[in-house]
Amino acid sequence: MRMSRLTCDLLSRVDAERVASRRIANFILLDQLLGRYNRLELETPSVAPMCYPLLTRHDGLRQFLIGQRIFIPCYWSDIAQADARFDTERRLSGQLVALPCDQRYGEMHMQKIALACIKYLETA
């Protein structure tokens, strides 16, 4: 299948270099601010990241951030109903928070997200 003319036209107007650069910069900033809380050791991405994966020991961070009006996607939501064989996956689903770092956000947004995470993690 091919993309429609409209889709091709819209995509041709995206400055992919600027998008990738902004996403990488946002990822790096989040890692500088939150790296000490992250149980994952992350490398600086060479391509535009989808999110900043923050793995903590706390299950409630996602709900806290949503309460702060910070959109946090929920991946693998169906794993919560899985049987005991999937305990590791269930734990990851609850403790891995995919923080937004896309090009719509700037440094101020990343700082707001990081400060909210730190507030929760230091009081949890």
Protein backbone atom coordinates (compact mmCIF):
# COMPACT_ATOMS: atom_id res chain seq x y z
CA MET A 1 0.00 0.00 0.00
CA ARG A 2 1.09 3.55 -0.66
CA MET A 3 0.54 6.71 1.32
CA SER A 4 -2.06 9.14 0.08
CA ARG A 5 -0.94 12.34 -1.61
CA LEU A 6 -2.15 14.30 1.40
CA THR A 7 -0.07 12.18 3.79
CA CYS A 8 3.01 12.51 1.60
CA ASP A 9 2.49 16.26 1.39
CA LEU A 10 2.07 16.61 5.15
CA LEU A 11 5.16 14.51 5.89
CA SER A 12 7.25 16.46 3.39
CA ARG A 13 6.59 19.60 5.45
CA VAL A 14 8.04 18.12 8.66
CA ASP A 15 11.56 19.20 9.51
CA ALA A 16 12.73 15.74 10.58
CA GLU A 17 16.15 17.00 11.67
CA ARG A 18 14.60 19.58 14.00
CA VAL A 19 12.16 17.00 15.38
CA ALA A 20 14.94 14.48 16.09
CA SER A 21 17.18 17.15 17.60
CA ARG A 22 14.44 18.39 19.96
CA ARG A 23 13.51 14.85 21.05
CA ILE A 24 17.13 13.95 21.76
CA ALA A 25 17.69 17.22 23.69
CA ASN A 26 14.56 16.59 25.77
CA PHE A 27 15.64 13.00 26.46
CA ILE A 28 19.10 14.17 27.56
CA LEU A 29 17.63 16.81 29.87
CA LEU A 30 15.26 14.32 31.48
CA ASP A 31 18.15 11.91 31.95
CA GLN A 32 20.26 14.64 33.58
CA LEU A 33 17.43 15.50 35.97
CA LEU A 34 16.10 11.99 36.64
CA GLY A 35 18.98 9.62 35.89
CA ARG A 36 19.78 9.07 39.57
CA TYR A 37 16.21 7.82 40.15
CA ASN A 38 16.14 5.61 37.06
CA ARG A 39 16.85 1.90 37.52
CA LEU A 40 17.67 1.73 33.80
CA GLU A 41 21.09 2.75 32.54
CA LEU A 42 20.37 4.69 29.38
CA GLU A 43 22.66 5.80 26.59
CA THR A 44 22.22 9.02 24.68
CA PRO A 45 20.01 8.10 21.74
CA SER A 46 21.34 8.51 18.22
CA VAL A 47 17.83 8.59 16.74
CA ALA A 48 14.68 10.41 17.86
CA PRO A 49 13.38 8.66 21.00
CA MET A 50 9.67 8.01 21.46
CA CYS A 51 9.84 8.66 25.22
CA TYR A 52 12.13 8.72 28.24
CA PRO A 53 11.68 5.37 30.03
CA LEU A 54 11.84 5.90 33.81
CA LEU A 55 11.92 2.68 35.80
CA THR A 56 11.38 3.15 39.53
CA ARG A 57 10.40 0.97 42.47
CA HIS A 58 7.05 2.75 42.83
CA ASP A 59 3.77 1.77 41.18
CA GLY A 60 1.94 5.08 41.71
CA LEU A 61 4.09 7.52 39.73
CA ARG A 62 1.99 7.30 36.55
CA GLN A 63 -1.23 8.11 38.41
CA PHE A 64 0.46 10.95 40.29
CA LEU A 65 1.70 12.54 37.06
CA ILE A 66 -1.71 12.21 35.45
CA GLY A 67 -3.12 13.98 38.52
CA GLN A 68 -0.61 16.78 37.84
CA ARG A 69 -2.06 17.04 34.29
CA ILE A 70 1.01 15.45 32.71
CA PHE A 71 0.01 12.97 30.01
CA ILE A 72 1.62 9.58 30.54
CA PRO A 73 0.74 6.76 28.15
CA CYS A 74 0.02 3.33 29.56
CA TYR A 75 1.59 0.50 27.60
CA TRP A 76 0.70 -3.15 28.17
CA SER A 77 -2.42 -2.32 30.21
CA ASP A 78 -3.77 -5.84 29.65
CA ILE A 79 -0.86 -7.38 31.56
CA ALA A 80 -2.46 -6.37 34.89
CA GLN A 81 -4.98 -9.20 34.42
CA ALA A 82 -2.35 -11.79 33.43
CA ASP A 83 -1.70 -14.79 35.63
CA ALA A 84 1.26 -15.23 38.00
CA ARG A 85 3.59 -16.42 35.23
CA PHE A 86 3.81 -12.81 34.11
CA ASP A 87 4.78 -11.26 37.45
CA THR A 88 7.92 -9.58 36.03
CA GLU A 89 5.96 -8.11 33.14
CA ARG A 90 3.21 -6.91 35.50
CA ARG A 91 5.83 -5.22 37.71
CA LEU A 92 7.44 -3.55 34.69
CA SER A 93 4.07 -2.35 33.47
CA GLY A 94 3.41 -0.70 36.82
CA GLN A 95 6.87 0.71 37.48
CA LEU A 96 8.04 1.77 34.02
CA VAL A 97 6.77 5.24 33.16
CA ALA A 98 7.16 6.48 29.57
CA LEU A 99 7.75 10.20 30.02
CA PRO A 100 6.96 12.36 27.00
CA CYS A 101 9.99 13.96 25.33
CA ASP A 102 8.64 14.73 21.89
CA GLN A 103 9.23 17.86 19.86
CA ARG A 104 6.11 19.66 21.06
CA TYR A 105 7.82 20.18 24.42
CA GLY A 106 10.70 22.42 25.40
CA GLU A 107 13.10 22.71 28.31
CA MET A 108 10.49 24.26 30.62
CA HIS A 109 8.15 21.31 30.06
CA MET A 110 10.91 18.79 30.73
CA GLN A 111 11.78 20.57 33.98
CA LYS A 112 8.12 20.54 35.05
CA ILE A 113 7.86 16.81 34.35
CA ALA A 114 11.14 16.06 36.14
CA LEU A 115 10.22 18.16 39.19
CA ALA A 116 6.87 16.39 39.47
CA CYS A 117 8.61 13.01 39.30
CA ILE A 118 11.17 14.03 41.91
CA LYS A 119 8.43 15.35 44.21
CA TYR A 120 6.67 12.01 44.07
CA LEU A 121 9.76 9.80 44.26
CA GLU A 122 11.25 11.62 47.23
CA THR A 123 8.04 11.38 49.24
CA ALA A 124 6.91 7.87 48.21
